[in-house]
Amino acid sequence: MNKKKTFYLGFTLIELLVVISLIGILAALALVSFTGAQKQAKDTQRKSDLKQYQTALENFANKNSGFYPARNDGNGVSFVSIICPLISLTGCTEDPKNSSDATFSYRYQSDVAADGTITATQYVLWAKLENSANYWVNCSDGRVGTKTQTGFSVSGGNCPL
């Protein structure tokens, strides 16, 4: 009798499970690195927004004898909701994460306690960074950089850098 050998083309269950688990591991790794990249992108957007707002404040001061809007609240005021209308700046965008977490917002403080007048000679703009435990700070004297969250405070529009 002639015995014929039969060969089946295809993958075994073990091979399929190994490939599926490898794909799952790679997808999880990609998701973790993608989350970090998203945070870094939001931080870059924050820095860019603060630089644009700093430029708008400098333009405003050039038209108002070198004075900025006066706001000296304890932890600063929201730049977008309070300062943008004062300096007639349209198209102000809020912090990328502000809708889901109120601690993320662009803050402003000047050296004069009056509200809304145009008598301040210095200011500080800052925002909390998402990818680190720091704040990004822009000062009227041109200093720009990060400040650690521990002990971070702004008073009288003085630059904390």
N, C-alpha and C. Protein backbone atom coordinates (compact mmCIF):
# COMPACT_ATOMS: atom_id res chain seq x y z
N MET A 1 0.82 -1.19 0.00
CA MET A 1 0.00 0.00 0.00
C MET A 1 0.86 1.24 0.00
N ASN A 2 0.42 2.17 -0.75
CA ASN A 2 1.08 3.46 -0.83
C ASN A 2 0.51 4.42 0.19
N LYS A 3 1.37 4.92 1.05
CA LYS A 3 0.89 5.92 2.01
C LYS A 3 1.31 7.28 1.50
N LYS A 4 0.33 8.16 1.40
CA LYS A 4 0.60 9.52 0.97
C LYS A 4 0.72 10.41 2.19
N LYS A 5 1.77 11.26 2.20
CA LYS A 5 1.91 12.20 3.30
C LYS A 5 1.14 13.47 2.94
N THR A 6 0.40 13.94 3.90
CA THR A 6 -0.39 15.15 3.69
C THR A 6 0.27 16.30 4.45
N PHE A 7 0.52 17.41 3.78
CA PHE A 7 1.07 18.60 4.41
C PHE A 7 0.02 19.69 4.40
N TYR A 8 -0.13 20.32 5.58
CA TYR A 8 -1.08 21.43 5.68
C TYR A 8 -0.30 22.74 5.69
N LEU A 9 -0.70 23.63 4.83
CA LEU A 9 -0.06 24.93 4.79
C LEU A 9 -0.80 25.86 5.75
N GLY A 10 -0.06 26.57 6.57
CA GLY A 10 -0.68 27.49 7.51
C GLY A 10 0.18 27.62 8.75
N PHE A 11 -0.36 28.33 9.73
CA PHE A 11 0.35 28.59 10.98
C PHE A 11 -0.26 27.76 12.09
N THR A 12 0.58 27.39 13.01
CA THR A 12 0.06 26.67 14.18
C THR A 12 -0.50 27.67 15.17
N LEU A 13 -1.23 27.19 16.11
CA LEU A 13 -1.83 28.06 17.13
C LEU A 13 -0.74 28.75 17.95
N ILE A 14 0.32 28.07 18.25
CA ILE A 14 1.43 28.64 19.02
C ILE A 14 2.07 29.80 18.26
N GLU A 15 2.31 29.61 16.98
CA GLU A 15 2.90 30.67 16.17
C GLU A 15 2.02 31.91 16.14
N LEU A 16 0.73 31.71 15.99
CA LEU A 16 -0.20 32.83 15.97
C LEU A 16 -0.22 33.57 17.31
N LEU A 17 -0.22 32.83 18.41
CA LEU A 17 -0.23 33.45 19.73
C LEU A 17 1.05 34.25 19.99
N VAL A 18 2.18 33.72 19.55
CA VAL A 18 3.45 34.44 19.71
C VAL A 18 3.43 35.75 18.93
N VAL A 19 2.98 35.71 17.71
CA VAL A 19 2.93 36.92 16.88
C VAL A 19 1.96 37.94 17.46
N ILE A 20 0.81 37.51 17.91
CA ILE A 20 -0.18 38.42 18.50
C ILE A 20 0.36 39.06 19.77
N SER A 21 1.03 38.28 20.60
CA SER A 21 1.58 38.85 21.83
C SER A 21 2.71 39.84 21.53
N LEU A 22 3.53 39.56 20.52
CA LEU A 22 4.58 40.51 20.13
C LEU A 22 3.98 41.81 19.62
N ILE A 23 2.95 41.72 18.83
CA ILE A 23 2.28 42.93 18.33
C ILE A 23 1.70 43.72 19.50
N GLY A 24 1.12 43.03 20.47
CA GLY A 24 0.56 43.70 21.65
C GLY A 24 1.63 44.43 22.45
N ILE A 25 2.77 43.80 22.64
CA ILE A 25 3.87 44.42 23.38
C ILE A 25 4.38 45.65 22.65
N LEU A 26 4.56 45.55 21.34
CA LEU A 26 5.03 46.69 20.55
C LEU A 26 4.01 47.84 20.56
N ALA A 27 2.74 47.52 20.52
CA ALA A 27 1.71 48.56 20.56
C ALA A 27 1.72 49.27 21.91
N ALA A 28 1.89 48.52 22.98
CA ALA A 28 1.95 49.14 24.31
C ALA A 28 3.15 50.06 24.44
N LEU A 29 4.29 49.65 23.94
CA LEU A 29 5.48 50.49 23.97
C LEU A 29 5.29 51.76 23.15
N ALA A 30 4.67 51.63 22.00
CA ALA A 30 4.43 52.80 21.15
C ALA A 30 3.47 53.77 21.82
N LEU A 31 2.47 53.25 22.51
CA LEU A 31 1.50 54.10 23.20
C LEU A 31 2.15 54.88 24.33
N VAL A 32 3.03 54.24 25.08
CA VAL A 32 3.72 54.91 26.18
C VAL A 32 4.60 56.03 25.64
N SER A 33 5.36 55.78 24.59
CA SER A 33 6.23 56.82 24.04
C SER A 33 5.41 57.91 23.37
N PHE A 34 4.27 57.58 22.83
CA PHE A 34 3.39 58.58 22.19
C PHE A 34 2.83 59.53 23.24
N THR A 35 2.49 59.04 24.44
CA THR A 35 1.98 59.89 25.51
C THR A 35 3.04 60.90 25.92
N GLY A 36 4.27 60.47 26.04
CA GLY A 36 5.36 61.40 26.37
C GLY A 36 5.56 62.44 25.29
N ALA A 37 5.43 62.03 24.06
CA ALA A 37 5.58 62.97 22.94
C ALA A 37 4.44 63.99 22.95
N GLN A 38 3.24 63.56 23.32
CA GLN A 38 2.11 64.49 23.40
C GLN A 38 2.35 65.54 24.47
N LYS A 39 2.85 65.11 25.63
CA LYS A 39 3.14 66.07 26.71
C LYS A 39 4.20 67.06 26.27
N GLN A 40 5.22 66.58 25.61
CA GLN A 40 6.28 67.45 25.15
C GLN A 40 5.75 68.44 24.10
N ALA A 41 4.86 67.99 23.24
CA ALA A 41 4.27 68.88 22.24
C ALA A 41 3.43 69.97 22.90
N LYS A 42 2.67 69.61 23.94
CA LYS A 42 1.87 70.61 24.66
C LYS A 42 2.77 71.62 25.35
N ASP A 43 3.89 71.16 25.92
CA ASP A 43 4.83 72.09 26.56
C ASP A 43 5.42 73.04 25.53
N THR A 44 5.73 72.55 24.36
CA THR A 44 6.25 73.40 23.29
C THR A 44 5.21 74.43 22.88
N GLN A 45 3.96 74.02 22.82
CA GLN A 45 2.87 74.95 22.50
C GLN A 45 2.75 76.03 23.58
N ARG A 46 2.88 75.64 24.85
CA ARG A 46 2.83 76.61 25.96
C ARG A 46 3.93 77.65 25.81
N LYS A 47 5.15 77.19 25.56
CA LYS A 47 6.28 78.11 25.42
C LYS A 47 6.07 79.07 24.26
N SER A 48 5.56 78.55 23.16
CA SER A 48 5.29 79.37 21.99
C SER A 48 4.21 80.41 22.28
N ASP A 49 3.13 79.99 22.93
CA ASP A 49 2.04 80.91 23.28
C ASP A 49 2.55 82.03 24.18
N LEU A 50 3.33 81.67 25.21
CA LEU A 50 3.84 82.70 26.12
C LEU A 50 4.76 83.68 25.40
N LYS A 51 5.55 83.21 24.47
CA LYS A 51 6.42 84.10 23.70
C LYS A 51 5.57 85.06 22.86
N GLN A 52 4.51 84.55 22.25
CA GLN A 52 3.63 85.41 21.45
C GLN A 52 2.93 86.44 22.34
N TYR A 53 2.50 86.03 23.53
CA TYR A 53 1.86 86.96 24.46
C TYR A 53 2.85 88.01 24.96
N GLN A 54 4.10 87.59 25.16
CA GLN A 54 5.13 88.53 25.57
C GLN A 54 5.34 89.59 24.48
N THR A 55 5.36 89.16 23.24
CA THR A 55 5.50 90.09 22.13
C THR A 55 4.31 91.05 22.07
N ALA A 56 3.12 90.52 22.30
CA ALA A 56 1.92 91.38 22.30
C ALA A 56 1.98 92.40 23.43
N LEU A 57 2.47 92.00 24.61
CA LEU A 57 2.60 92.93 25.73
C LEU A 57 3.64 94.02 25.42
N GLU A 58 4.73 93.64 24.77
CA GLU A 58 5.74 94.63 24.41
C GLU A 58 5.18 95.63 23.39
N ASN A 59 4.42 95.15 22.42
CA ASN A 59 3.77 96.04 21.46
C ASN A 59 2.81 96.98 22.16
N PHE A 60 2.05 96.44 23.13
CA PHE A 60 1.12 97.25 23.90
C PHE A 60 1.86 98.35 24.67
N ALA A 61 2.98 97.98 25.30
CA ALA A 61 3.76 98.96 26.07
C ALA A 61 4.35 100.03 25.17
N ASN A 62 4.75 99.66 23.97
CA ASN A 62 5.30 100.64 23.04
C ASN A 62 4.26 101.70 22.68
N LYS A 63 3.00 101.33 22.66
CA LYS A 63 1.93 102.28 22.34
C LYS A 63 1.44 103.04 23.57
N ASN A 64 1.85 102.62 24.78
CA ASN A 64 1.35 103.23 26.02
C ASN A 64 2.49 103.71 26.93
N SER A 65 3.41 104.43 26.36
CA SER A 65 4.52 105.06 27.10
C SER A 65 5.34 104.07 27.93
N GLY A 66 5.44 102.84 27.47
CA GLY A 66 6.26 101.85 28.16
C GLY A 66 5.57 101.16 29.33
N PHE A 67 4.26 101.33 29.47
CA PHE A 67 3.54 100.74 30.59
C PHE A 67 2.74 99.51 30.14
N TYR A 68 2.64 98.55 31.07
CA TYR A 68 1.89 97.31 30.86
C TYR A 68 0.60 97.37 31.68
N PRO A 69 -0.36 96.47 31.40
CA PRO A 69 -1.56 96.42 32.25
C PRO A 69 -1.18 96.04 33.68
N ALA A 70 -1.79 96.70 34.65
CA ALA A 70 -1.45 96.48 36.06
C ALA A 70 -2.36 95.41 36.65
N ARG A 71 -1.77 94.32 37.08
CA ARG A 71 -2.48 93.22 37.76
C ARG A 71 -1.51 92.59 38.73
N ASN A 72 -1.85 92.58 40.02
CA ASN A 72 -0.94 92.03 41.01
C ASN A 72 -1.69 91.14 41.99
N ASP A 73 -2.42 90.18 41.48
CA ASP A 73 -3.11 89.22 42.34
C ASP A 73 -2.09 88.20 42.83
N GLY A 74 -2.38 87.56 43.96
CA GLY A 74 -1.44 86.63 44.60
C GLY A 74 -0.82 85.61 43.69
N ASN A 75 -1.63 84.81 43.00
CA ASN A 75 -1.07 83.77 42.13
C ASN A 75 -1.20 84.16 40.66
N GLY A 76 -1.35 85.44 40.40
CA GLY A 76 -1.48 85.90 39.03
C GLY A 76 -2.90 85.76 38.52
N VAL A 77 -3.18 86.42 37.43
CA VAL A 77 -4.50 86.33 36.83
C VAL A 77 -4.38 85.58 35.51
N SER A 78 -5.51 85.08 35.05
CA SER A 78 -5.53 84.38 33.77
C SER A 78 -5.22 85.36 32.66
N PHE A 79 -4.19 85.09 31.90
CA PHE A 79 -3.81 85.98 30.82
C PHE A 79 -4.90 86.05 29.76
N VAL A 80 -5.45 84.91 29.41
CA VAL A 80 -6.40 84.85 28.30
C VAL A 80 -7.70 85.56 28.63
N SER A 81 -8.24 85.33 29.82
CA SER A 81 -9.56 85.90 30.12
C SER A 81 -9.50 87.35 30.60
N ILE A 82 -8.38 87.78 31.19
CA ILE A 82 -8.33 89.14 31.76
C ILE A 82 -7.42 90.07 30.96
N ILE A 83 -6.22 89.64 30.63
CA ILE A 83 -5.26 90.54 29.98
C ILE A 83 -5.52 90.70 28.48
N CYS A 84 -5.87 89.63 27.80
CA CYS A 84 -6.13 89.73 26.35
C CYS A 84 -7.15 90.80 26.02
N PRO A 85 -8.31 90.85 26.71
CA PRO A 85 -9.26 91.93 26.41
C PRO A 85 -8.71 93.32 26.75
N LEU A 86 -7.90 93.42 27.79
CA LEU A 86 -7.34 94.72 28.18
C LEU A 86 -6.41 95.29 27.11
N ILE A 87 -5.65 94.42 26.48
CA ILE A 87 -4.71 94.91 25.48
C ILE A 87 -5.26 94.74 24.06
N SER A 88 -6.55 94.47 23.96
CA SER A 88 -7.25 94.32 22.67
C SER A 88 -6.59 93.28 21.78
N LEU A 89 -6.20 92.18 22.38
CA LEU A 89 -5.57 91.09 21.64
C LEU A 89 -6.63 90.05 21.31
N THR A 90 -6.81 89.79 20.04
CA THR A 90 -7.81 88.79 19.63
C THR A 90 -7.11 87.48 19.29
N GLY A 91 -7.83 86.42 19.40
CA GLY A 91 -7.29 85.11 19.05
C GLY A 91 -6.42 84.50 20.13
N CYS A 92 -6.60 84.93 21.38
CA CYS A 92 -5.82 84.33 22.48
C CYS A 92 -6.30 82.90 22.71
N THR A 93 -5.36 81.98 22.79
CA THR A 93 -5.73 80.60 23.07
C THR A 93 -5.34 80.25 24.50
N GLU A 94 -6.15 79.45 25.12
CA GLU A 94 -5.88 78.99 26.48
C GLU A 94 -4.90 77.84 26.43
N ASP A 95 -4.35 77.51 27.57
CA ASP A 95 -3.41 76.41 27.70
C ASP A 95 -4.01 75.13 27.10
N PRO A 96 -3.20 74.31 26.41
CA PRO A 96 -3.73 73.10 25.76
C PRO A 96 -4.43 72.13 26.70
N LYS A 97 -4.10 72.14 27.99
CA LYS A 97 -4.72 71.20 28.91
C LYS A 97 -5.72 71.88 29.85
N ASN A 98 -5.93 73.17 29.71
CA ASN A 98 -6.75 73.93 30.65
C ASN A 98 -8.17 73.40 30.78
N SER A 99 -8.73 72.87 29.70
CA SER A 99 -10.12 72.41 29.76
C SER A 99 -10.29 71.21 30.70
N SER A 100 -9.23 70.42 30.87
CA SER A 100 -9.36 69.25 31.73
C SER A 100 -8.70 69.42 33.10
N ASP A 101 -7.89 70.47 33.27
CA ASP A 101 -7.19 70.67 34.54
C ASP A 101 -6.94 72.16 34.73
N ALA A 102 -7.60 72.74 35.73
CA ALA A 102 -7.53 74.19 35.94
C ALA A 102 -6.15 74.67 36.39
N THR A 103 -5.28 73.78 36.85
CA THR A 103 -3.95 74.22 37.26
C THR A 103 -3.09 74.60 36.06
N PHE A 104 -3.52 74.21 34.87
CA PHE A 104 -2.81 74.57 33.66
C PHE A 104 -3.49 75.78 33.04
N SER A 105 -2.90 76.95 33.23
CA SER A 105 -3.37 78.15 32.57
C SER A 105 -2.24 79.14 32.48
N TYR A 106 -2.35 80.08 31.58
CA TYR A 106 -1.33 81.10 31.43
C TYR A 106 -1.60 82.18 32.46
N ARG A 107 -0.60 82.49 33.28
CA ARG A 107 -0.76 83.44 34.38
C ARG A 107 0.04 84.70 34.12
N TYR A 108 -0.44 85.83 34.68
CA TYR A 108 0.20 87.13 34.49
C TYR A 108 0.18 87.89 35.81
N GLN A 109 1.27 88.60 36.07
CA GLN A 109 1.32 89.47 37.24
C GLN A 109 2.25 90.64 36.93
N SER A 110 1.87 91.83 37.41
CA SER A 110 2.70 93.01 37.20
C SER A 110 3.13 93.59 38.54
N ASP A 111 3.83 94.72 38.50
CA ASP A 111 4.40 95.31 39.71
C ASP A 111 3.49 96.33 40.39
N VAL A 112 2.32 96.58 39.86
CA VAL A 112 1.42 97.57 40.45
C VAL A 112 0.12 96.90 40.86
N ALA A 113 -0.39 97.24 42.03
CA ALA A 113 -1.57 96.57 42.57
C ALA A 113 -2.87 97.02 41.95
N ALA A 114 -2.89 98.11 41.22
CA ALA A 114 -4.14 98.60 40.63
C ALA A 114 -4.66 97.59 39.61
N ASP A 115 -5.97 97.56 39.46
CA ASP A 115 -6.56 96.61 38.51
C ASP A 115 -6.97 97.30 37.22
N GLY A 116 -6.38 96.84 36.13
CA GLY A 116 -6.81 97.29 34.82
C GLY A 116 -6.21 98.60 34.36
N THR A 117 -5.51 99.33 35.20
CA THR A 117 -4.89 100.56 34.74
C THR A 117 -3.64 100.23 33.94
N ILE A 118 -3.12 101.21 33.27
CA ILE A 118 -1.94 100.98 32.44
C ILE A 118 -0.78 101.72 33.11
N THR A 119 -0.27 101.17 34.22
CA THR A 119 0.78 101.84 34.98
C THR A 119 1.90 100.91 35.40
N ALA A 120 1.88 99.68 34.98
CA ALA A 120 2.91 98.73 35.40
C ALA A 120 4.17 98.89 34.56
N THR A 121 5.32 98.72 35.18
CA THR A 121 6.59 98.85 34.46
C THR A 121 7.28 97.50 34.26
N GLN A 122 6.81 96.46 34.92
CA GLN A 122 7.37 95.12 34.73
C GLN A 122 6.28 94.09 34.94
N TYR A 123 6.50 92.91 34.38
CA TYR A 123 5.51 91.83 34.49
C TYR A 123 6.21 90.48 34.44
N VAL A 124 5.44 89.45 34.80
CA VAL A 124 5.89 88.07 34.68
C VAL A 124 4.74 87.27 34.07
N LEU A 125 5.04 86.47 33.07
CA LEU A 125 4.10 85.52 32.46
C LEU A 125 4.61 84.12 32.78
N TRP A 126 3.72 83.21 33.16
CA TRP A 126 4.19 81.85 33.42
C TRP A 126 3.09 80.83 33.18
N ALA A 127 3.52 79.58 33.02
CA ALA A 127 2.61 78.45 32.82
C ALA A 127 3.26 77.20 33.37
N LYS A 128 2.45 76.31 33.89
CA LYS A 128 2.95 75.04 34.40
C LYS A 128 3.23 74.11 33.23
N LEU A 129 4.37 73.44 33.29
CA LEU A 129 4.73 72.48 32.25
C LEU A 129 4.16 71.11 32.61
N GLU A 130 3.85 70.33 31.60
CA GLU A 130 3.22 69.03 31.81
C GLU A 130 4.22 67.89 31.86
N ASN A 131 5.32 68.04 31.14
CA ASN A 131 6.29 66.96 31.02
C ASN A 131 7.31 66.96 32.15
N SER A 132 7.28 67.98 33.02
CA SER A 132 8.19 68.04 34.17
C SER A 132 7.48 68.79 35.28
N ALA A 133 8.10 68.82 36.45
CA ALA A 133 7.50 69.52 37.59
C ALA A 133 8.01 70.96 37.65
N ASN A 134 8.03 71.65 36.52
CA ASN A 134 8.54 73.00 36.44
C ASN A 134 7.50 73.96 35.87
N TYR A 135 7.84 75.22 35.97
CA TYR A 135 7.05 76.28 35.32
C TYR A 135 7.92 76.92 34.24
N TRP A 136 7.29 77.35 33.16
CA TRP A 136 7.97 78.12 32.13
C TRP A 136 7.67 79.58 32.40
N VAL A 137 8.70 80.41 32.49
CA VAL A 137 8.54 81.80 32.90
C VAL A 137 9.10 82.73 31.83
N ASN A 138 8.33 83.77 31.49
CA ASN A 138 8.78 84.86 30.61
C ASN A 138 8.67 86.15 31.41
N CYS A 139 9.76 86.91 31.48
CA CYS A 139 9.78 88.15 32.26
C CYS A 139 9.90 89.36 31.33
N SER A 140 9.46 90.50 31.82
CA SER A 140 9.51 91.72 31.01
C SER A 140 10.94 92.17 30.73
N ASP A 141 11.90 91.75 31.53
CA ASP A 141 13.29 92.14 31.30
C ASP A 141 13.98 91.23 30.29
N GLY A 142 13.22 90.30 29.68
CA GLY A 142 13.76 89.44 28.63
C GLY A 142 14.22 88.07 29.10
N ARG A 143 14.26 87.85 30.41
CA ARG A 143 14.67 86.53 30.90
C ARG A 143 13.56 85.52 30.64
N VAL A 144 13.97 84.34 30.19
CA VAL A 144 13.03 83.26 29.87
C VAL A 144 13.65 81.96 30.34
N GLY A 145 12.85 81.09 30.95
CA GLY A 145 13.38 79.79 31.36
C GLY A 145 12.46 79.05 32.28
N THR A 146 12.97 77.94 32.82
CA THR A 146 12.18 77.12 33.72
C THR A 146 12.51 77.43 35.17
N LYS A 147 11.51 77.26 36.00
CA LYS A 147 11.66 77.43 37.44
C LYS A 147 11.00 76.21 38.08
N THR A 148 11.68 75.60 39.06
CA THR A 148 11.12 74.40 39.69
C THR A 148 9.84 74.74 40.45
N GLN A 149 8.98 73.75 40.54
CA GLN A 149 7.67 73.94 41.17
C GLN A 149 7.82 74.18 42.68
N THR A 150 8.81 73.55 43.29
CA THR A 150 8.99 73.74 44.74
C THR A 150 9.47 75.16 45.00
N GLY A 151 8.74 75.85 45.81
CA GLY A 151 9.11 77.21 46.17
C GLY A 151 8.86 78.24 45.11
N PHE A 152 8.11 77.88 44.07
CA PHE A 152 7.83 78.83 43.01
C PHE A 152 6.82 79.88 43.49
N SER A 153 7.20 81.13 43.40
CA SER A 153 6.26 82.20 43.73
C SER A 153 6.67 83.46 42.97
N VAL A 154 5.67 84.24 42.64
CA VAL A 154 5.88 85.50 41.96
C VAL A 154 5.25 86.57 42.83
N SER A 155 5.97 87.64 43.09
CA SER A 155 5.39 88.73 43.87
C SER A 155 5.79 90.06 43.25
N GLY A 156 4.82 90.92 43.14
CA GLY A 156 5.08 92.26 42.63
C GLY A 156 5.61 92.32 41.22
N GLY A 157 5.34 91.30 40.42
CA GLY A 157 5.83 91.29 39.05
C GLY A 157 7.33 91.11 38.93
N ASN A 158 7.99 90.75 40.03
CA ASN A 158 9.43 90.51 39.99
C ASN A 158 9.74 89.15 39.38
N CYS A 159 10.71 89.13 38.51
CA CYS A 159 11.05 87.89 37.81
C CYS A 159 11.66 86.88 38.77
N PRO A 160 11.12 85.65 38.86
CA PRO A 160 11.66 84.64 39.77
C PRO A 160 12.89 83.92 39.24
N LEU A 161 13.32 84.24 38.04
CA LEU A 161 14.50 83.55 37.46
C LEU A 161 15.79 84.16 37.96
